[in-house]
Amino acid sequence: MQRNGEMITISAPFVFTAEPGRKVAYVVEECVWQNIYATDETDIDKLEEMFLDKSETWVDHEKEHKSFRVTLRQSDRDDYEQFLTEYGFEEAWVRAVSENTDDQIEMPAEWSGVANVRPSDIEGSGLFLSAAISAGSIIAPGRLGGKRTPAGRYVNHSSTPNCFYLKTESDDVYLIAKRDIIGCQGGDQGEELTVDYRQGIALANNGAEICHP
């Protein structure tokens, strides 16, 4: 690690208080590195703006990486078009229903830190986990009392979804992890949460099993 212009070697466990400024470290073997800041802020994007000074090289690399990730999700956009065709939906109508604020609510406080709305590599905005979660776990409510939460509003369609929806006996809907999902870590925003909209349609038509979260 470079400190005050001098290269030093450190071994875990190691804790130090760093002066303001850019830090550079070369990792020789697998390790867990944590930065701890004194703040009451919990929004990850705001924290990055407050504490990270991103270089031009980093910004350029992120733009190239973003373009590559968008290309990789083309199959999801193609399958979304196929979904529209199968059900005879107009894209403009689907978008209007999705963006309608009359049936939307904020995420309940007890679930508010589970996931964040971020720019999606598939389309518009998407939902991303704050921390890793295991298959079969309840991620968050998608619909409560007939109102959509961000987990019902911002989850994009995928041909290979990592989540699905389940309905309770009270007709509330919960977003469930279909497999283990990676959350935000090490500067990476983690996997975007996705579902197959066909499954959502089946659920709306009472074609899915009941769960008891």
Protein backbone atom coordinates (compact mmCIF):
# COMPACT_ATOMS: atom_id res chain seq x y z
CA MET A 1 0.00 0.00 0.00
CA GLN A 2 1.16 3.53 -0.71
CA ARG A 3 0.99 5.98 2.20
CA ASN A 4 2.43 9.51 2.15
CA GLY A 5 4.27 8.68 -1.06
CA GLU A 6 5.95 5.61 0.47
CA MET A 7 5.20 1.96 -0.29
CA ILE A 8 4.48 -0.11 2.81
CA THR A 9 3.51 -3.76 3.27
CA ILE A 10 0.60 -4.62 5.56
CA SER A 11 -0.81 -7.94 6.77
CA ALA A 12 -4.23 -8.73 8.18
CA PRO A 13 -5.62 -8.03 10.66
CA PHE A 14 -4.70 -4.37 10.25
CA VAL A 15 -6.62 -1.22 11.14
CA PHE A 16 -5.51 2.34 10.44
CA THR A 17 -6.91 5.86 10.23
CA ALA A 18 -6.23 7.38 6.81
CA GLU A 19 -5.62 11.00 5.98
CA PRO A 20 -7.80 12.57 3.23
CA GLY A 21 -6.65 11.77 -0.30
CA ARG A 22 -6.34 8.93 -2.77
CA LYS A 23 -5.13 5.55 -1.53
CA VAL A 24 -3.58 2.84 -3.73
CA ALA A 25 -3.11 -0.77 -2.65
CA TYR A 26 -1.92 -3.90 -4.45
CA VAL A 27 -3.60 -7.06 -3.12
CA VAL A 28 -1.23 -10.03 -3.05
CA GLU A 29 -3.80 -12.59 -1.89
CA GLU A 30 -7.54 -12.74 -1.22
CA CYS A 31 -8.64 -10.33 1.47
CA VAL A 32 -11.59 -8.38 2.84
CA TRP A 33 -11.01 -4.61 2.85
CA GLN A 34 -13.48 -2.35 4.65
CA ASN A 35 -13.66 1.44 4.68
CA ILE A 36 -15.50 2.84 7.71
CA TYR A 37 -16.79 6.42 7.68
CA ALA A 38 -18.39 8.47 10.44
CA THR A 39 -21.78 9.37 8.95
CA ASP A 40 -25.50 8.87 9.44
CA GLU A 41 -26.09 8.68 5.67
CA THR A 42 -27.29 5.26 4.41
CA ASP A 43 -27.82 5.93 0.68
CA ILE A 44 -24.98 4.17 -1.15
CA ASP A 45 -24.93 6.58 -4.11
CA LYS A 46 -24.80 9.62 -1.80
CA LEU A 47 -22.02 8.01 0.23
CA GLU A 48 -19.96 7.48 -2.93
CA GLU A 49 -20.43 11.13 -3.88
CA MET A 50 -19.38 12.22 -0.40
CA PHE A 51 -16.33 10.01 0.11
CA LEU A 52 -15.05 8.80 -3.28
CA ASP A 53 -13.07 10.95 -5.70
CA LYS A 54 -13.31 8.98 -8.93
CA SER A 55 -10.47 9.53 -11.38
CA GLU A 56 -10.95 10.15 -15.12
CA THR A 57 -9.49 6.70 -15.76
CA TRP A 58 -12.09 5.11 -13.48
CA VAL A 59 -14.93 7.07 -15.12
CA ASP A 60 -13.78 6.07 -18.64
CA HIS A 61 -13.46 2.42 -17.59
CA GLU A 62 -16.95 2.48 -16.06
CA LYS A 63 -18.44 3.89 -19.29
CA GLU A 64 -16.84 1.10 -21.33
CA HIS A 65 -17.92 -1.52 -18.81
CA LYS A 66 -21.46 -0.14 -18.80
CA SER A 67 -21.66 -0.41 -22.60
CA PHE A 68 -20.47 -4.02 -22.40
CA ARG A 69 -23.02 -4.89 -19.69
CA VAL A 70 -25.85 -3.32 -21.70
CA THR A 71 -24.89 -5.48 -24.70
CA LEU A 72 -24.97 -8.60 -22.54
CA ARG A 73 -28.59 -7.89 -21.55
CA GLN A 74 -29.89 -7.72 -25.14
CA SER A 75 -31.48 -11.17 -24.77
CA ASP A 76 -33.61 -9.80 -21.93
CA ARG A 77 -34.84 -6.92 -24.07
CA ASP A 78 -35.56 -9.32 -26.93
CA ASP A 79 -37.55 -11.59 -24.63
CA TYR A 80 -39.48 -8.59 -23.32
CA GLU A 81 -40.52 -7.81 -26.91
CA GLN A 82 -41.58 -11.44 -27.28
CA PHE A 83 -43.59 -11.14 -24.06
CA LEU A 84 -45.45 -8.11 -25.46
CA THR A 85 -46.24 -10.02 -28.65
CA GLU A 86 -47.44 -13.13 -26.80
CA TYR A 87 -49.91 -11.16 -24.69
CA GLY A 88 -50.88 -8.57 -27.30
CA PHE A 89 -49.68 -5.66 -25.17
CA GLU A 90 -48.62 -2.29 -26.56
CA GLU A 91 -45.32 -1.15 -25.09
CA ALA A 92 -46.64 2.37 -24.50
CA TRP A 93 -49.58 0.97 -22.50
CA VAL A 94 -47.32 -1.25 -20.38
CA ARG A 95 -45.03 1.70 -19.66
CA ALA A 96 -47.98 3.91 -18.68
CA VAL A 97 -49.25 1.26 -16.26
CA SER A 98 -45.76 0.80 -14.81
CA GLU A 99 -45.22 4.52 -14.30
CA ASN A 100 -48.67 5.22 -12.87
CA THR A 101 -48.08 6.66 -9.39
CA ASP A 102 -51.66 6.21 -8.16
CA ASP A 103 -50.97 2.66 -6.93
CA GLN A 104 -47.41 3.17 -5.69
CA ILE A 105 -46.13 3.53 -2.13
CA GLU A 106 -42.71 3.92 -0.53
CA MET A 107 -40.97 0.81 0.69
CA PRO A 108 -42.01 0.13 4.32
CA ALA A 109 -39.33 1.21 6.79
CA GLU A 110 -38.45 -2.33 7.86
CA TRP A 111 -37.56 -3.19 4.24
CA SER A 112 -36.12 0.16 3.15
CA GLY A 113 -32.43 -0.81 3.25
CA VAL A 114 -32.78 -4.12 1.42
CA ALA A 115 -32.47 -2.83 -2.14
CA ASN A 116 -31.78 0.36 -4.07
CA VAL A 117 -33.16 1.79 -7.31
CA ARG A 118 -30.28 2.36 -9.76
CA PRO A 119 -29.76 2.78 -13.51
CA SER A 120 -30.41 -0.57 -15.18
CA ASP A 121 -28.37 -2.30 -17.88
CA ILE A 122 -31.66 -3.69 -19.22
CA GLU A 123 -33.96 -0.66 -19.35
CA GLY A 124 -34.42 2.58 -17.42
CA SER A 125 -34.14 2.06 -13.67
CA GLY A 126 -33.86 -1.28 -11.90
CA LEU A 127 -33.69 -2.69 -8.38
CA PHE A 128 -30.37 -3.87 -6.89
CA LEU A 129 -29.71 -5.72 -3.64
CA SER A 130 -27.76 -3.97 -0.89
CA ALA A 131 -26.33 -7.29 0.38
CA ALA A 132 -26.16 -10.88 -0.82
CA ILE A 133 -29.17 -13.13 -0.26
CA SER A 134 -29.72 -16.88 -0.54
CA ALA A 135 -32.12 -18.78 -2.77
CA GLY A 136 -35.68 -18.96 -1.48
CA SER A 137 -35.36 -15.89 0.75
CA ILE A 138 -37.97 -13.14 0.82
CA ILE A 139 -36.34 -9.99 -0.54
CA ALA A 140 -39.11 -7.43 -0.04
CA PRO A 141 -42.84 -6.88 -0.51
CA GLY A 142 -43.78 -6.01 -4.08
CA ARG A 143 -47.42 -5.17 -3.38
CA LEU A 144 -49.12 -4.38 -0.07
CA GLY A 145 -52.79 -3.62 0.29
CA GLY A 146 -53.11 -3.29 -3.47
CA LYS A 147 -50.25 -0.77 -3.69
CA ARG A 148 -46.91 -1.35 -5.41
CA THR A 149 -43.64 -0.80 -3.57
CA PRO A 150 -40.36 -0.19 -5.45
CA ALA A 151 -40.01 -3.99 -5.54
CA GLY A 152 -43.21 -4.09 -7.58
CA ARG A 153 -42.41 -1.04 -9.68
CA TYR A 154 -38.72 -1.23 -10.63
CA VAL A 155 -37.99 -4.94 -11.15
CA ASN A 156 -37.20 -5.45 -14.84
CA HIS A 157 -37.99 -8.43 -17.06
CA SER A 158 -35.39 -11.07 -17.87
CA SER A 159 -35.30 -14.24 -19.93
CA THR A 160 -33.26 -15.78 -17.08
CA PRO A 161 -34.73 -14.13 -13.95
CA ASN A 162 -33.09 -14.40 -10.54
CA CYS A 163 -36.38 -13.69 -8.69
CA PHE A 164 -40.08 -14.49 -8.79
CA TYR A 165 -43.22 -13.20 -7.10
CA LEU A 166 -45.40 -15.09 -4.60
CA LYS A 167 -48.82 -14.08 -3.30
CA THR A 168 -49.98 -14.43 0.29
CA GLU A 169 -53.46 -15.42 1.41
CA SER A 170 -54.19 -11.71 1.95
CA ASP A 171 -53.27 -11.00 -1.70
CA ASP A 172 -50.05 -9.20 -0.81
CA VAL A 173 -47.16 -10.03 -3.15
CA TYR A 174 -43.53 -10.67 -2.16
CA LEU A 175 -40.36 -10.76 -4.25
CA ILE A 176 -38.46 -14.04 -3.70
CA ALA A 177 -34.87 -14.94 -4.63
CA LYS A 178 -34.92 -17.73 -7.20
CA ARG A 179 -31.23 -18.44 -6.57
CA ASP A 180 -28.35 -16.99 -4.56
CA ILE A 181 -27.93 -13.34 -5.58
CA ILE A 182 -24.87 -11.15 -5.15
CA GLY A 183 -25.40 -7.81 -3.44
CA CYS A 184 -23.51 -4.52 -3.49
CA GLN A 185 -19.87 -5.05 -2.51
CA GLY A 186 -16.45 -3.60 -3.18
CA GLY A 187 -17.73 -0.76 -5.35
CA ASP A 188 -19.85 -3.11 -7.46
CA GLN A 189 -23.60 -2.48 -7.33
CA GLY A 190 -24.31 -6.21 -7.49
CA GLU A 191 -26.85 -8.10 -9.58
CA GLU A 192 -30.00 -6.45 -10.80
CA LEU A 193 -33.15 -8.12 -9.50
CA THR A 194 -35.27 -9.50 -12.35
CA VAL A 195 -38.41 -11.52 -12.92
CA ASP A 196 -40.23 -13.07 -15.86
CA TYR A 197 -43.25 -10.82 -16.48
CA ARG A 198 -45.19 -13.87 -17.68
CA GLN A 199 -45.04 -15.18 -14.13
CA GLY A 200 -46.36 -11.85 -12.89
CA ILE A 201 -49.31 -12.12 -15.27
CA ALA A 202 -50.03 -15.66 -14.05
CA LEU A 203 -49.95 -14.40 -10.47
CA ALA A 204 -52.40 -11.61 -11.27
CA ASN A 205 -54.70 -14.28 -12.72
CA ASN A 206 -54.36 -16.34 -9.51
CA GLY A 207 -52.27 -18.91 -11.29
CA ALA A 208 -49.51 -19.21 -8.70
CA GLU A 209 -49.13 -20.94 -5.36
CA ILE A 210 -49.74 -19.26 -2.00
CA CYS A 211 -46.87 -18.49 0.38
CA HIS A 212 -46.80 -17.49 4.04
CA PRO A 213 -43.98 -14.96 4.65
